[in-house]
Amino acid sequence: MAKITYVEWGGTEHVVEVADGMTVMEGARDNGIPGIEADCGGACACSTCHVYVAPDWVDRLPAREPMEEDMLDFAHEPDPARSRLTCQLKVSDALDGLVVHMPEKQI
């Protein structure tokens, strides 16, 4: 289990435990976290689970795969360094303490 902090655009924080093997997107969906729509259900076929990773986590996450890079082109105001799709972030103990910030809106 990893504790993940999801921060809404307005600053409201939600700290939830997410089981190993799930994705950060599934953790948000299963816990009713607003701001992550996940329209494609985790298939990396949309950008509606886009977040900005806290700066101190950027280098601690696996590199983006080409498909994620392509989908981020469709996200609302992507940040070249901090934007990630939560459907592509697998939860493990290594993600304990991860903080993600939602964009103003999902496209």
N, C-alpha and C. Protein backbone atom coordinates (compact mmCIF):
# COMPACT_ATOMS: atom_id res chain seq x y z
N MET A 1 0.84 -1.19 0.00
CA MET A 1 0.00 0.00 0.00
C MET A 1 0.88 1.24 0.00
N ALA A 2 0.42 2.21 -0.73
CA ALA A 2 1.10 3.50 -0.75
C ALA A 2 0.09 4.59 -0.45
N LYS A 3 0.49 5.57 0.33
CA LYS A 3 -0.35 6.74 0.57
C LYS A 3 -0.06 7.73 -0.55
N ILE A 4 -1.12 8.10 -1.26
CA ILE A 4 -1.02 9.06 -2.36
C ILE A 4 -1.84 10.29 -1.96
N THR A 5 -1.27 11.47 -2.18
CA THR A 5 -1.99 12.71 -1.92
C THR A 5 -2.40 13.31 -3.25
N TYR A 6 -3.71 13.46 -3.43
CA TYR A 6 -4.29 14.08 -4.61
C TYR A 6 -4.72 15.49 -4.21
N VAL A 7 -4.25 16.50 -4.92
CA VAL A 7 -4.57 17.89 -4.59
C VAL A 7 -5.43 18.47 -5.70
N GLU A 8 -6.65 18.84 -5.34
CA GLU A 8 -7.56 19.45 -6.30
C GLU A 8 -7.03 20.82 -6.72
N TRP A 9 -7.54 21.32 -7.85
CA TRP A 9 -7.13 22.63 -8.38
C TRP A 9 -7.29 23.71 -7.31
N GLY A 10 -8.33 23.67 -6.52
CA GLY A 10 -8.58 24.67 -5.49
C GLY A 10 -7.76 24.48 -4.23
N GLY A 11 -6.99 23.40 -4.14
CA GLY A 11 -6.12 23.19 -3.00
C GLY A 11 -6.57 22.12 -2.02
N THR A 12 -7.79 21.60 -2.17
CA THR A 12 -8.26 20.54 -1.28
C THR A 12 -7.43 19.29 -1.47
N GLU A 13 -6.94 18.74 -0.37
CA GLU A 13 -6.11 17.54 -0.44
C GLU A 13 -6.89 16.31 -0.02
N HIS A 14 -6.62 15.21 -0.70
CA HIS A 14 -7.19 13.91 -0.37
C HIS A 14 -6.03 12.93 -0.25
N VAL A 15 -5.84 12.36 0.93
CA VAL A 15 -4.78 11.38 1.15
C VAL A 15 -5.45 10.02 1.25
N VAL A 16 -5.10 9.12 0.35
CA VAL A 16 -5.71 7.79 0.34
C VAL A 16 -4.64 6.72 0.21
N GLU A 17 -4.95 5.54 0.70
CA GLU A 17 -4.08 4.40 0.52
C GLU A 17 -4.51 3.67 -0.74
N VAL A 18 -3.54 3.37 -1.57
CA VAL A 18 -3.80 2.69 -2.84
C VAL A 18 -2.98 1.40 -2.84
N ALA A 19 -3.64 0.31 -3.17
CA ALA A 19 -3.00 -1.01 -3.15
C ALA A 19 -1.95 -1.14 -4.24
N ASP A 20 -0.89 -1.86 -3.92
CA ASP A 20 0.14 -2.17 -4.90
C ASP A 20 -0.49 -2.85 -6.11
N GLY A 21 0.01 -2.50 -7.28
CA GLY A 21 -0.49 -3.10 -8.52
C GLY A 21 -1.58 -2.29 -9.19
N MET A 22 -2.25 -1.43 -8.43
CA MET A 22 -3.24 -0.55 -9.04
C MET A 22 -2.51 0.62 -9.67
N THR A 23 -3.25 1.48 -10.36
CA THR A 23 -2.64 2.70 -10.88
C THR A 23 -3.08 3.87 -10.01
N VAL A 24 -2.37 4.96 -10.14
CA VAL A 24 -2.74 6.18 -9.41
C VAL A 24 -4.14 6.63 -9.84
N MET A 25 -4.48 6.42 -11.11
CA MET A 25 -5.82 6.75 -11.61
C MET A 25 -6.88 5.89 -10.93
N GLU A 26 -6.64 4.60 -10.80
CA GLU A 26 -7.61 3.71 -10.16
C GLU A 26 -7.80 4.08 -8.70
N GLY A 27 -6.72 4.51 -8.05
CA GLY A 27 -6.83 4.97 -6.66
C GLY A 27 -7.74 6.17 -6.55
N ALA A 28 -7.65 7.10 -7.49
CA ALA A 28 -8.53 8.27 -7.48
C ALA A 28 -9.97 7.87 -7.77
N ARG A 29 -10.14 7.07 -8.79
CA ARG A 29 -11.49 6.63 -9.17
C ARG A 29 -12.18 5.87 -8.05
N ASP A 30 -11.48 4.92 -7.46
CA ASP A 30 -12.07 4.07 -6.43
C ASP A 30 -12.35 4.81 -5.13
N ASN A 31 -11.71 5.96 -4.95
CA ASN A 31 -11.91 6.74 -3.72
C ASN A 31 -12.70 8.02 -3.97
N GLY A 32 -13.28 8.15 -5.16
CA GLY A 32 -14.14 9.29 -5.46
C GLY A 32 -13.43 10.64 -5.45
N ILE A 33 -12.17 10.64 -5.87
CA ILE A 33 -11.40 11.89 -5.89
C ILE A 33 -11.83 12.71 -7.11
N PRO A 34 -12.33 13.93 -6.88
CA PRO A 34 -12.73 14.76 -8.02
C PRO A 34 -11.52 15.30 -8.77
N GLY A 35 -11.68 15.50 -10.07
CA GLY A 35 -10.63 16.10 -10.87
C GLY A 35 -9.90 15.14 -11.79
N ILE A 36 -10.10 13.84 -11.59
CA ILE A 36 -9.55 12.83 -12.49
C ILE A 36 -10.73 12.09 -13.09
N GLU A 37 -10.99 12.36 -14.38
CA GLU A 37 -12.18 11.79 -15.02
C GLU A 37 -11.95 10.38 -15.55
N ALA A 38 -10.78 10.13 -16.12
CA ALA A 38 -10.43 8.80 -16.63
C ALA A 38 -11.48 8.25 -17.60
N ASP A 39 -11.81 9.04 -18.60
CA ASP A 39 -12.84 8.66 -19.57
C ASP A 39 -12.57 7.34 -20.27
N CYS A 40 -11.30 7.02 -20.54
CA CYS A 40 -10.99 5.78 -21.28
C CYS A 40 -10.80 4.59 -20.35
N GLY A 41 -10.92 4.80 -19.07
CA GLY A 41 -10.82 3.69 -18.12
C GLY A 41 -9.41 3.18 -17.88
N GLY A 42 -8.43 3.93 -18.33
CA GLY A 42 -7.05 3.53 -18.07
C GLY A 42 -6.32 2.94 -19.26
N ALA A 43 -6.86 3.11 -20.46
CA ALA A 43 -6.26 2.54 -21.66
C ALA A 43 -5.23 3.47 -22.32
N CYS A 44 -4.94 4.59 -21.70
CA CYS A 44 -4.02 5.59 -22.26
C CYS A 44 -4.52 6.05 -23.63
N ALA A 45 -5.84 6.24 -23.71
CA ALA A 45 -6.46 6.66 -24.97
C ALA A 45 -7.11 8.03 -24.86
N CYS A 46 -6.90 8.71 -23.75
CA CYS A 46 -7.39 10.07 -23.56
C CYS A 46 -6.39 10.76 -22.62
N SER A 47 -6.67 11.95 -22.24
CA SER A 47 -5.76 12.64 -21.31
C SER A 47 -6.52 13.14 -20.09
N THR A 48 -7.64 12.51 -19.77
CA THR A 48 -8.50 13.02 -18.70
C THR A 48 -8.12 12.52 -17.31
N CYS A 49 -6.93 11.93 -17.19
CA CYS A 49 -6.39 11.58 -15.88
C CYS A 49 -5.06 12.30 -15.67
N HIS A 50 -4.90 13.40 -16.37
CA HIS A 50 -3.68 14.21 -16.33
C HIS A 50 -3.50 14.86 -14.96
N VAL A 51 -2.27 14.85 -14.46
CA VAL A 51 -1.91 15.54 -13.22
C VAL A 51 -0.53 16.16 -13.38
N TYR A 52 -0.22 17.04 -12.44
CA TYR A 52 1.14 17.58 -12.30
C TYR A 52 1.74 16.91 -11.07
N VAL A 53 2.82 16.22 -11.26
CA VAL A 53 3.51 15.55 -10.17
C VAL A 53 4.29 16.59 -9.36
N ALA A 54 4.28 16.45 -8.04
CA ALA A 54 5.06 17.35 -7.20
C ALA A 54 6.52 17.35 -7.66
N PRO A 55 7.17 18.51 -7.67
CA PRO A 55 8.53 18.60 -8.21
C PRO A 55 9.51 17.58 -7.63
N ASP A 56 9.40 17.30 -6.35
CA ASP A 56 10.37 16.37 -5.74
C ASP A 56 10.12 14.91 -6.14
N TRP A 57 9.06 14.65 -6.88
CA TRP A 57 8.75 13.29 -7.34
C TRP A 57 9.09 13.06 -8.81
N VAL A 58 9.33 14.11 -9.55
CA VAL A 58 9.53 13.98 -11.00
C VAL A 58 10.61 12.95 -11.34
N ASP A 59 11.75 13.02 -10.70
CA ASP A 59 12.85 12.13 -11.03
C ASP A 59 12.74 10.77 -10.35
N ARG A 60 11.74 10.58 -9.52
CA ARG A 60 11.58 9.31 -8.81
C ARG A 60 10.60 8.38 -9.52
N LEU A 61 9.94 8.88 -10.55
CA LEU A 61 8.96 8.08 -11.30
C LEU A 61 9.62 7.48 -12.54
N PRO A 62 9.06 6.36 -13.03
CA PRO A 62 9.57 5.81 -14.29
C PRO A 62 9.37 6.81 -15.43
N ALA A 63 10.22 6.74 -16.42
CA ALA A 63 10.10 7.63 -17.57
C ALA A 63 8.78 7.40 -18.30
N ARG A 64 8.31 8.43 -18.97
CA ARG A 64 7.09 8.31 -19.78
C ARG A 64 7.37 7.41 -20.98
N GLU A 65 6.41 6.57 -21.29
CA GLU A 65 6.47 5.77 -22.52
C GLU A 65 5.99 6.67 -23.67
N PRO A 66 6.35 6.35 -24.92
CA PRO A 66 5.94 7.17 -26.05
C PRO A 66 4.43 7.41 -26.14
N MET A 67 3.62 6.39 -25.83
CA MET A 67 2.17 6.57 -25.91
C MET A 67 1.69 7.63 -24.92
N GLU A 68 2.24 7.62 -23.71
CA GLU A 68 1.87 8.64 -22.73
C GLU A 68 2.30 10.03 -23.22
N GLU A 69 3.50 10.11 -23.76
CA GLU A 69 3.97 11.39 -24.31
C GLU A 69 2.99 11.93 -25.35
N ASP A 70 2.54 11.04 -26.25
CA ASP A 70 1.61 11.45 -27.30
C ASP A 70 0.29 11.95 -26.72
N MET A 71 -0.25 11.23 -25.73
CA MET A 71 -1.53 11.61 -25.15
C MET A 71 -1.44 12.91 -24.35
N LEU A 72 -0.29 13.19 -23.77
CA LEU A 72 -0.14 14.43 -23.02
C LEU A 72 -0.26 15.66 -23.90
N ASP A 73 -0.05 15.49 -25.22
CA ASP A 73 -0.26 16.60 -26.15
C ASP A 73 -1.69 17.10 -26.13
N PHE A 74 -2.63 16.26 -25.70
CA PHE A 74 -4.05 16.61 -25.67
C PHE A 74 -4.50 17.11 -24.30
N ALA A 75 -3.62 17.09 -23.32
CA ALA A 75 -3.97 17.50 -21.95
C ALA A 75 -4.08 19.02 -21.85
N HIS A 76 -4.81 19.46 -20.83
CA HIS A 76 -4.95 20.89 -20.56
C HIS A 76 -3.65 21.41 -19.96
N GLU A 77 -3.01 22.34 -20.64
CA GLU A 77 -1.79 22.99 -20.20
C GLU A 77 -0.75 22.03 -19.63
N PRO A 78 -0.27 21.10 -20.46
CA PRO A 78 0.74 20.16 -19.98
C PRO A 78 2.05 20.86 -19.63
N ASP A 79 2.69 20.35 -18.62
CA ASP A 79 4.00 20.84 -18.19
C ASP A 79 5.04 19.83 -18.68
N PRO A 80 6.04 20.25 -19.44
CA PRO A 80 7.00 19.30 -20.00
C PRO A 80 7.69 18.42 -18.95
N ALA A 81 7.88 18.93 -17.77
CA ALA A 81 8.58 18.16 -16.73
C ALA A 81 7.65 17.44 -15.78
N ARG A 82 6.53 18.05 -15.42
CA ARG A 82 5.71 17.54 -14.32
C ARG A 82 4.44 16.80 -14.74
N SER A 83 4.00 16.93 -15.98
CA SER A 83 2.74 16.30 -16.39
C SER A 83 2.89 14.80 -16.53
N ARG A 84 1.90 14.08 -16.00
CA ARG A 84 1.82 12.63 -16.14
C ARG A 84 0.37 12.23 -16.28
N LEU A 85 0.14 11.07 -16.89
CA LEU A 85 -1.18 10.46 -16.92
C LEU A 85 -1.21 9.43 -15.80
N THR A 86 -2.16 9.57 -14.90
CA THR A 86 -2.18 8.70 -13.72
C THR A 86 -2.48 7.25 -14.07
N CYS A 87 -3.06 7.00 -15.23
CA CYS A 87 -3.30 5.61 -15.65
C CYS A 87 -2.01 4.88 -15.96
N GLN A 88 -0.92 5.62 -16.12
CA GLN A 88 0.36 5.02 -16.47
C GLN A 88 1.31 4.90 -15.29
N LEU A 89 0.82 5.27 -14.10
CA LEU A 89 1.66 5.20 -12.91
C LEU A 89 1.19 4.04 -12.02
N LYS A 90 1.94 2.94 -12.06
CA LYS A 90 1.63 1.75 -11.24
C LYS A 90 2.06 2.00 -9.80
N VAL A 91 1.18 1.67 -8.89
CA VAL A 91 1.45 1.88 -7.48
C VAL A 91 2.29 0.73 -6.93
N SER A 92 3.28 1.11 -6.13
CA SER A 92 4.12 0.17 -5.38
C SER A 92 4.57 0.92 -4.13
N ASP A 93 5.25 0.23 -3.25
CA ASP A 93 5.76 0.88 -2.05
C ASP A 93 6.65 2.07 -2.39
N ALA A 94 7.27 2.03 -3.55
CA ALA A 94 8.15 3.13 -3.97
C ALA A 94 7.39 4.44 -4.18
N LEU A 95 6.07 4.35 -4.36
CA LEU A 95 5.27 5.57 -4.57
C LEU A 95 4.65 6.09 -3.27
N ASP A 96 4.97 5.47 -2.15
CA ASP A 96 4.42 5.92 -0.87
C ASP A 96 4.82 7.38 -0.64
N GLY A 97 3.81 8.25 -0.47
CA GLY A 97 4.04 9.67 -0.26
C GLY A 97 3.93 10.52 -1.51
N LEU A 98 3.64 9.89 -2.65
CA LEU A 98 3.49 10.63 -3.91
C LEU A 98 2.42 11.72 -3.77
N VAL A 99 2.71 12.89 -4.33
CA VAL A 99 1.77 14.00 -4.34
C VAL A 99 1.53 14.40 -5.79
N VAL A 100 0.25 14.44 -6.19
CA VAL A 100 -0.12 14.87 -7.53
C VAL A 100 -1.14 15.99 -7.43
N HIS A 101 -1.02 16.95 -8.34
CA HIS A 101 -1.90 18.12 -8.38
C HIS A 101 -2.73 18.06 -9.64
N MET A 102 -4.04 18.25 -9.50
CA MET A 102 -4.92 18.23 -10.65
C MET A 102 -4.83 19.56 -11.41
N PRO A 103 -4.98 19.49 -12.73
CA PRO A 103 -5.03 20.73 -13.51
C PRO A 103 -6.37 21.43 -13.28
N GLU A 104 -6.47 22.64 -13.78
CA GLU A 104 -7.72 23.40 -13.64
C GLU A 104 -8.90 22.66 -14.23
N LYS A 105 -8.66 21.93 -15.34
CA LYS A 105 -9.71 21.14 -15.96
C LYS A 105 -9.08 20.02 -16.74
N GLN A 106 -9.88 19.03 -17.06
CA GLN A 106 -9.46 17.95 -17.95
C GLN A 106 -10.13 18.21 -19.29
N ILE A 107 -9.48 17.82 -20.37
CA ILE A 107 -10.06 18.04 -21.70
C ILE A 107 -10.72 16.77 -22.16
